[in-house]
Amino acid sequence: MPGTSLTEIKCDKCEKVFETEVVDHVDLAEDGALAPQLKSGKLNRVVCPQCKKLTYLERGLVVNFEPESLIVVFDSSAKTPEAKVALRKEYDALIHYNQIFEEVGKETEFRVISELDELKKLVDDYVKDHWLSESEPLFPK
């Protein structure tokens, strides 16, 4: 099950403020059915409860590619080297939180990407290497 959180949204159309659940973390080994939405950039879909306007939220997302020992932060706003360094520092602070995180962090590649095409390629490669087909993403080869 993907990692989610509640966030407050203001509708662009009617300006209603409402809370909605959004996906923050996807582990492709467990949440493979989300691959098509990841590749299209349409994972965090929100519908205003008042006017029914459909919106796709642009927000950072952590994607875990196991067993590759790869963690990717996809954030379309992280275009500059400074933004990517800031996200790397957050990751480093997290893995130094305790000894287990630190050991796993040493064995795990961490990348920050901001282009959807790059995320799509990573997901496509993962599907090709680890799934029977995109229609059967939860069954390893």
N, C-alpha and C. Protein backbone atom coordinates (compact mmCIF):
# COMPACT_ATOMS: atom_id res chain seq x y z
N MET A 1 0.84 -1.17 0.00
CA MET A 1 0.00 0.00 0.00
C MET A 1 0.89 1.24 0.00
N PRO A 2 0.60 2.19 -0.87
CA PRO A 2 1.45 3.38 -0.94
C PRO A 2 1.35 4.22 0.33
N GLY A 3 2.43 4.97 0.60
CA GLY A 3 2.42 5.90 1.73
C GLY A 3 1.62 7.14 1.36
N THR A 4 0.68 7.52 2.21
CA THR A 4 -0.18 8.65 1.92
C THR A 4 -0.20 9.62 3.09
N SER A 5 -0.70 10.80 2.82
CA SER A 5 -0.91 11.80 3.87
C SER A 5 -2.09 12.67 3.48
N LEU A 6 -2.63 13.36 4.46
CA LEU A 6 -3.71 14.31 4.20
C LEU A 6 -3.10 15.67 3.91
N THR A 7 -3.65 16.35 2.93
CA THR A 7 -3.19 17.70 2.62
C THR A 7 -4.40 18.57 2.32
N GLU A 8 -4.23 19.85 2.54
CA GLU A 8 -5.30 20.80 2.29
C GLU A 8 -5.13 21.40 0.90
N ILE A 9 -6.21 21.42 0.14
CA ILE A 9 -6.21 21.91 -1.24
C ILE A 9 -7.21 23.04 -1.36
N LYS A 10 -6.87 24.02 -2.19
CA LYS A 10 -7.84 25.07 -2.55
C LYS A 10 -8.15 24.91 -4.02
N CYS A 11 -9.41 24.71 -4.33
CA CYS A 11 -9.84 24.50 -5.70
C CYS A 11 -9.56 25.75 -6.53
N ASP A 12 -8.95 25.55 -7.69
CA ASP A 12 -8.65 26.67 -8.61
C ASP A 12 -9.92 27.27 -9.20
N LYS A 13 -10.95 26.47 -9.31
CA LYS A 13 -12.18 26.92 -9.97
C LYS A 13 -13.14 27.64 -9.00
N CYS A 14 -13.53 26.96 -7.92
CA CYS A 14 -14.54 27.54 -7.01
C CYS A 14 -13.94 28.07 -5.70
N GLU A 15 -12.65 27.81 -5.49
CA GLU A 15 -11.90 28.28 -4.33
C GLU A 15 -12.28 27.61 -3.01
N LYS A 16 -13.00 26.51 -3.08
CA LYS A 16 -13.32 25.75 -1.87
C LYS A 16 -12.03 25.14 -1.34
N VAL A 17 -11.84 25.19 -0.03
CA VAL A 17 -10.70 24.57 0.63
C VAL A 17 -11.18 23.24 1.21
N PHE A 18 -10.44 22.17 0.91
CA PHE A 18 -10.83 20.84 1.40
C PHE A 18 -9.59 19.99 1.62
N GLU A 19 -9.73 18.95 2.42
CA GLU A 19 -8.65 18.01 2.67
C GLU A 19 -8.80 16.81 1.75
N THR A 20 -7.65 16.30 1.32
CA THR A 20 -7.67 15.10 0.49
C THR A 20 -6.44 14.26 0.80
N GLU A 21 -6.54 12.98 0.55
CA GLU A 21 -5.42 12.07 0.75
C GLU A 21 -4.58 12.05 -0.53
N VAL A 22 -3.26 12.18 -0.37
CA VAL A 22 -2.35 12.17 -1.52
C VAL A 22 -1.26 11.12 -1.28
N VAL A 23 -0.71 10.62 -2.37
CA VAL A 23 0.36 9.62 -2.30
C VAL A 23 1.70 10.34 -2.18
N ASP A 24 2.48 9.94 -1.17
CA ASP A 24 3.81 10.49 -0.94
C ASP A 24 4.92 9.50 -1.29
N HIS A 25 4.62 8.20 -1.20
CA HIS A 25 5.64 7.17 -1.36
C HIS A 25 5.04 5.96 -2.06
N VAL A 26 5.79 5.45 -3.04
CA VAL A 26 5.39 4.24 -3.76
C VAL A 26 6.56 3.26 -3.75
N ASP A 27 6.29 2.03 -3.34
CA ASP A 27 7.26 0.95 -3.43
C ASP A 27 6.81 0.08 -4.59
N LEU A 28 7.53 0.13 -5.70
CA LEU A 28 7.09 -0.58 -6.90
C LEU A 28 6.97 -2.08 -6.71
N ALA A 29 7.74 -2.64 -5.79
CA ALA A 29 7.63 -4.08 -5.54
C ALA A 29 6.27 -4.43 -4.92
N GLU A 30 5.67 -3.49 -4.20
CA GLU A 30 4.38 -3.74 -3.54
C GLU A 30 3.22 -3.01 -4.23
N ASP A 31 3.50 -1.87 -4.82
CA ASP A 31 2.46 -1.00 -5.38
C ASP A 31 2.56 -0.91 -6.89
N GLY A 32 2.91 -2.03 -7.52
CA GLY A 32 3.15 -2.03 -8.95
C GLY A 32 1.98 -1.59 -9.80
N ALA A 33 0.78 -1.77 -9.30
CA ALA A 33 -0.40 -1.37 -10.07
C ALA A 33 -0.44 0.14 -10.31
N LEU A 34 0.36 0.89 -9.56
CA LEU A 34 0.38 2.35 -9.73
C LEU A 34 1.35 2.80 -10.83
N ALA A 35 2.06 1.86 -11.45
CA ALA A 35 3.05 2.23 -12.48
C ALA A 35 2.47 3.09 -13.60
N PRO A 36 1.30 2.77 -14.16
CA PRO A 36 0.78 3.61 -15.24
C PRO A 36 0.54 5.07 -14.81
N GLN A 37 0.01 5.25 -13.59
CA GLN A 37 -0.20 6.62 -13.11
C GLN A 37 1.11 7.33 -12.84
N LEU A 38 2.10 6.60 -12.34
CA LEU A 38 3.43 7.19 -12.13
C LEU A 38 3.99 7.70 -13.45
N LYS A 39 3.92 6.85 -14.47
CA LYS A 39 4.50 7.19 -15.77
C LYS A 39 3.79 8.36 -16.44
N SER A 40 2.51 8.52 -16.16
CA SER A 40 1.76 9.61 -16.80
C SER A 40 1.78 10.89 -15.99
N GLY A 41 2.29 10.83 -14.74
CA GLY A 41 2.28 12.01 -13.89
C GLY A 41 0.92 12.28 -13.29
N LYS A 42 0.04 11.29 -13.32
CA LYS A 42 -1.34 11.50 -12.86
C LYS A 42 -1.66 10.66 -11.62
N LEU A 43 -0.68 10.51 -10.74
CA LEU A 43 -0.89 9.70 -9.55
C LEU A 43 -1.78 10.39 -8.53
N ASN A 44 -1.53 11.66 -8.27
CA ASN A 44 -2.29 12.38 -7.25
C ASN A 44 -3.43 13.17 -7.90
N ARG A 45 -4.50 12.45 -8.12
CA ARG A 45 -5.70 12.98 -8.76
C ARG A 45 -6.67 13.43 -7.67
N VAL A 46 -7.17 14.66 -7.78
CA VAL A 46 -8.05 15.23 -6.77
C VAL A 46 -9.29 15.79 -7.46
N VAL A 47 -10.46 15.53 -6.86
CA VAL A 47 -11.71 16.07 -7.38
C VAL A 47 -12.32 16.95 -6.30
N CYS A 48 -12.61 18.18 -6.65
CA CYS A 48 -13.23 19.11 -5.71
C CYS A 48 -14.61 18.58 -5.33
N PRO A 49 -14.91 18.51 -4.03
CA PRO A 49 -16.22 17.99 -3.63
C PRO A 49 -17.37 18.95 -3.94
N GLN A 50 -17.04 20.21 -4.19
CA GLN A 50 -18.10 21.19 -4.47
C GLN A 50 -18.41 21.31 -5.95
N CYS A 51 -17.41 21.64 -6.76
CA CYS A 51 -17.65 21.89 -8.19
C CYS A 51 -17.25 20.72 -9.09
N LYS A 52 -16.59 19.70 -8.50
CA LYS A 52 -16.17 18.47 -9.21
C LYS A 52 -15.02 18.69 -10.19
N LYS A 53 -14.30 19.81 -10.06
CA LYS A 53 -13.14 20.04 -10.94
C LYS A 53 -12.05 19.02 -10.63
N LEU A 54 -11.52 18.41 -11.68
CA LEU A 54 -10.45 17.43 -11.58
C LEU A 54 -9.11 18.15 -11.66
N THR A 55 -8.21 17.82 -10.72
CA THR A 55 -6.88 18.41 -10.69
C THR A 55 -5.86 17.32 -10.42
N TYR A 56 -4.73 17.39 -11.09
CA TYR A 56 -3.61 16.51 -10.80
C TYR A 56 -2.58 17.34 -10.05
N LEU A 57 -2.32 16.97 -8.79
CA LEU A 57 -1.40 17.74 -7.96
C LEU A 57 0.04 17.48 -8.38
N GLU A 58 0.79 18.53 -8.45
CA GLU A 58 2.23 18.40 -8.70
C GLU A 58 2.91 18.55 -7.35
N ARG A 59 3.46 17.44 -6.87
CA ARG A 59 4.12 17.44 -5.57
C ARG A 59 5.20 16.37 -5.58
N GLY A 60 6.14 16.50 -4.67
CA GLY A 60 7.22 15.54 -4.58
C GLY A 60 6.71 14.15 -4.23
N LEU A 61 7.41 13.14 -4.72
CA LEU A 61 7.01 11.76 -4.53
C LEU A 61 8.27 10.90 -4.41
N VAL A 62 8.27 10.00 -3.45
CA VAL A 62 9.38 9.06 -3.27
C VAL A 62 8.99 7.74 -3.90
N VAL A 63 9.88 7.22 -4.76
CA VAL A 63 9.63 5.93 -5.42
C VAL A 63 10.77 4.99 -5.07
N ASN A 64 10.41 3.83 -4.54
CA ASN A 64 11.38 2.82 -4.14
C ASN A 64 11.43 1.74 -5.21
N PHE A 65 12.62 1.54 -5.78
CA PHE A 65 12.83 0.51 -6.81
C PHE A 65 13.60 -0.65 -6.17
N GLU A 66 12.89 -1.60 -5.58
CA GLU A 66 13.53 -2.78 -5.02
C GLU A 66 13.37 -3.92 -6.01
N PRO A 67 14.31 -4.76 -6.20
CA PRO A 67 15.52 -4.99 -5.42
C PRO A 67 16.75 -4.22 -5.91
N GLU A 68 16.59 -3.20 -6.72
CA GLU A 68 17.71 -2.43 -7.24
C GLU A 68 18.43 -1.59 -6.19
N SER A 69 17.85 -1.48 -4.99
CA SER A 69 18.39 -0.60 -3.96
C SER A 69 18.52 0.82 -4.49
N LEU A 70 17.42 1.29 -5.07
CA LEU A 70 17.36 2.63 -5.63
C LEU A 70 16.14 3.35 -5.07
N ILE A 71 16.37 4.54 -4.54
CA ILE A 71 15.29 5.41 -4.09
C ILE A 71 15.35 6.66 -4.94
N VAL A 72 14.20 7.03 -5.52
CA VAL A 72 14.13 8.21 -6.37
C VAL A 72 13.12 9.18 -5.76
N VAL A 73 13.54 10.43 -5.65
CA VAL A 73 12.59 11.48 -5.32
C VAL A 73 12.27 12.17 -6.64
N PHE A 74 10.99 12.10 -7.02
CA PHE A 74 10.53 12.79 -8.23
C PHE A 74 9.84 14.07 -7.77
N ASP A 75 10.41 15.20 -8.18
CA ASP A 75 9.84 16.50 -7.84
C ASP A 75 10.03 17.41 -9.05
N SER A 76 8.93 17.69 -9.74
CA SER A 76 9.02 18.48 -10.97
C SER A 76 9.49 19.91 -10.71
N SER A 77 9.46 20.35 -9.47
CA SER A 77 9.93 21.71 -9.16
C SER A 77 11.42 21.74 -8.81
N ALA A 78 12.06 20.57 -8.68
CA ALA A 78 13.48 20.51 -8.32
C ALA A 78 14.35 20.58 -9.57
N LYS A 79 14.30 21.71 -10.26
CA LYS A 79 15.02 21.87 -11.53
C LYS A 79 16.47 22.32 -11.34
N THR A 80 16.74 23.00 -10.26
CA THR A 80 18.08 23.57 -10.07
C THR A 80 18.95 22.62 -9.26
N PRO A 81 20.28 22.74 -9.43
CA PRO A 81 21.17 21.93 -8.59
C PRO A 81 20.97 22.20 -7.10
N GLU A 82 20.66 23.44 -6.75
CA GLU A 82 20.44 23.78 -5.33
C GLU A 82 19.23 23.05 -4.77
N ALA A 83 18.16 22.95 -5.55
CA ALA A 83 16.96 22.24 -5.09
C ALA A 83 17.25 20.76 -4.90
N LYS A 84 18.03 20.20 -5.81
CA LYS A 84 18.37 18.78 -5.70
C LYS A 84 19.28 18.52 -4.50
N VAL A 85 20.20 19.43 -4.24
CA VAL A 85 21.08 19.30 -3.08
C VAL A 85 20.26 19.38 -1.79
N ALA A 86 19.28 20.26 -1.75
CA ALA A 86 18.43 20.40 -0.55
C ALA A 86 17.68 19.09 -0.28
N LEU A 87 17.17 18.45 -1.32
CA LEU A 87 16.48 17.18 -1.13
C LEU A 87 17.45 16.09 -0.69
N ARG A 88 18.66 16.13 -1.21
CA ARG A 88 19.68 15.15 -0.80
C ARG A 88 20.01 15.32 0.68
N LYS A 89 20.08 16.56 1.13
CA LYS A 89 20.37 16.83 2.55
C LYS A 89 19.25 16.30 3.45
N GLU A 90 18.01 16.43 3.00
CA GLU A 90 16.89 15.88 3.77
C GLU A 90 17.00 14.36 3.88
N TYR A 91 17.37 13.72 2.77
CA TYR A 91 17.55 12.27 2.77
C TYR A 91 18.68 11.87 3.72
N ASP A 92 19.81 12.58 3.62
CA ASP A 92 20.95 12.27 4.49
C ASP A 92 20.58 12.43 5.97
N ALA A 93 19.82 13.48 6.29
CA ALA A 93 19.39 13.69 7.67
C ALA A 93 18.50 12.54 8.14
N LEU A 94 17.64 12.06 7.25
CA LEU A 94 16.74 10.96 7.60
C LEU A 94 17.51 9.68 7.85
N ILE A 95 18.45 9.34 6.98
CA ILE A 95 19.15 8.06 7.15
C ILE A 95 20.10 8.07 8.34
N HIS A 96 20.47 9.23 8.82
CA HIS A 96 21.33 9.30 10.01
C HIS A 96 20.52 9.30 11.29
N TYR A 97 19.19 9.14 11.15
CA TYR A 97 18.29 9.14 12.31
C TYR A 97 18.56 7.96 13.24
N ASN A 98 18.83 6.79 12.66
CA ASN A 98 19.21 5.64 13.49
C ASN A 98 20.12 4.71 12.70
N GLN A 99 20.69 3.75 13.40
CA GLN A 99 21.72 2.89 12.80
C GLN A 99 21.17 2.03 11.66
N ILE A 100 19.95 1.54 11.78
CA ILE A 100 19.38 0.70 10.71
C ILE A 100 19.20 1.53 9.44
N PHE A 101 18.63 2.73 9.57
CA PHE A 101 18.47 3.60 8.40
C PHE A 101 19.83 3.90 7.77
N GLU A 102 20.82 4.13 8.62
CA GLU A 102 22.15 4.48 8.11
C GLU A 102 22.76 3.32 7.32
N GLU A 103 22.61 2.09 7.83
CA GLU A 103 23.14 0.93 7.11
C GLU A 103 22.44 0.75 5.77
N VAL A 104 21.12 0.86 5.76
CA VAL A 104 20.37 0.73 4.51
C VAL A 104 20.74 1.86 3.55
N GLY A 105 20.89 3.07 4.09
CA GLY A 105 21.24 4.22 3.27
C GLY A 105 22.57 4.07 2.56
N LYS A 106 23.53 3.41 3.21
CA LYS A 106 24.84 3.20 2.60
C LYS A 106 24.76 2.24 1.41
N GLU A 107 23.77 1.35 1.43
CA GLU A 107 23.62 0.35 0.38
C GLU A 107 22.64 0.78 -0.70
N THR A 108 22.05 1.96 -0.56
CA THR A 108 20.98 2.39 -1.45
C THR A 108 21.41 3.61 -2.25
N GLU A 109 21.20 3.55 -3.55
CA GLU A 109 21.44 4.72 -4.40
C GLU A 109 20.26 5.67 -4.26
N PHE A 110 20.56 6.95 -4.18
CA PHE A 110 19.53 7.98 -4.03
C PHE A 110 19.65 8.95 -5.19
N ARG A 111 18.52 9.20 -5.87
CA ARG A 111 18.51 10.16 -6.98
C ARG A 111 17.35 11.12 -6.83
N VAL A 112 17.58 12.34 -7.29
CA VAL A 112 16.51 13.33 -7.39
C VAL A 112 16.32 13.60 -8.87
N ILE A 113 15.09 13.44 -9.35
CA ILE A 113 14.81 13.76 -10.75
C ILE A 113 13.61 14.69 -10.82
N SER A 114 13.62 15.51 -11.85
CA SER A 114 12.54 16.49 -12.01
C SER A 114 11.80 16.35 -13.34
N GLU A 115 12.28 15.48 -14.19
CA GLU A 115 11.66 15.29 -15.50
C GLU A 115 10.83 14.01 -15.53
N LEU A 116 9.58 14.13 -15.93
CA LEU A 116 8.69 12.97 -15.98
C LEU A 116 9.20 11.90 -16.95
N ASP A 117 9.82 12.30 -18.05
CA ASP A 117 10.36 11.32 -19.00
C ASP A 117 11.42 10.44 -18.36
N GLU A 118 12.22 11.01 -17.46
CA GLU A 118 13.25 10.22 -16.77
C GLU A 118 12.61 9.21 -15.81
N LEU A 119 11.57 9.64 -15.09
CA LEU A 119 10.85 8.72 -14.21
C LEU A 119 10.19 7.62 -15.04
N LYS A 120 9.59 7.99 -16.16
CA LYS A 120 8.93 7.01 -17.02
C LYS A 120 9.92 5.94 -17.48
N LYS A 121 11.12 6.34 -17.87
CA LYS A 121 12.13 5.39 -18.31
C LYS A 121 12.52 4.43 -17.18
N LEU A 122 12.71 4.97 -15.97
CA LEU A 122 13.06 4.13 -14.83
C LEU A 122 11.95 3.11 -14.55
N VAL A 123 10.71 3.55 -14.58
CA VAL A 123 9.58 2.65 -14.32
C VAL A 123 9.47 1.61 -15.44
N ASP A 124 9.61 2.04 -16.69
CA ASP A 124 9.56 1.09 -17.81
C ASP A 124 10.64 0.02 -17.68
N ASP A 125 11.86 0.44 -17.36
CA ASP A 125 12.96 -0.52 -17.20
C ASP A 125 12.67 -1.49 -16.05
N TYR A 126 12.12 -0.97 -14.97
CA TYR A 126 11.78 -1.81 -13.82
C TYR A 126 10.73 -2.85 -14.21
N VAL A 127 9.68 -2.40 -14.90
CA VAL A 127 8.62 -3.31 -15.34
C VAL A 127 9.21 -4.40 -16.24
N LYS A 128 10.04 -4.00 -17.18
CA LYS A 128 10.65 -4.95 -18.11
C LYS A 128 11.49 -6.00 -17.38
N ASP A 129 12.22 -5.57 -16.35
CA ASP A 129 13.13 -6.46 -15.64
C ASP A 129 12.48 -7.31 -14.56
N HIS A 130 11.34 -6.87 -14.00
CA HIS A 130 10.82 -7.53 -12.81
C HIS A 130 9.39 -8.02 -12.88
N TRP A 131 8.66 -7.68 -13.92
CA TRP A 131 7.25 -8.07 -13.98
C TRP A 131 7.00 -8.93 -15.20
N LEU A 132 5.97 -9.74 -15.12
CA LEU A 132 5.57 -10.53 -16.28
C LEU A 132 5.10 -9.63 -17.41
N SER A 133 4.28 -8.62 -17.05
CA SER A 133 3.80 -7.63 -18.00
C SER A 133 3.24 -6.47 -17.21
N GLU A 134 3.01 -5.35 -17.87
CA GLU A 134 2.47 -4.22 -17.15
C GLU A 134 1.05 -4.49 -16.65
N SER A 135 0.35 -5.44 -17.30
CA SER A 135 -0.98 -5.79 -16.82
C SER A 135 -0.91 -6.75 -15.63
N GLU A 136 0.26 -7.33 -15.38
CA GLU A 136 0.46 -8.21 -14.22
C GLU A 136 1.66 -7.74 -13.42
N PRO A 137 1.60 -6.52 -12.87
CA PRO A 137 2.79 -5.94 -12.26
C PRO A 137 3.18 -6.52 -10.92
N LEU A 138 2.33 -7.28 -10.28
CA LEU A 138 2.67 -7.76 -8.94
C LEU A 138 3.32 -9.14 -8.95
N PHE A 139 3.52 -9.72 -10.13
CA PHE A 139 4.12 -11.04 -10.20
C PHE A 139 5.53 -10.94 -10.74
N PRO A 140 6.53 -11.17 -9.90
CA PRO A 140 7.92 -11.09 -10.40
C PRO A 140 8.21 -12.17 -11.43
N LYS A 141 9.17 -11.87 -12.29
CA LYS A 141 9.60 -12.86 -13.31
C LYS A 141 10.29 -14.02 -12.63
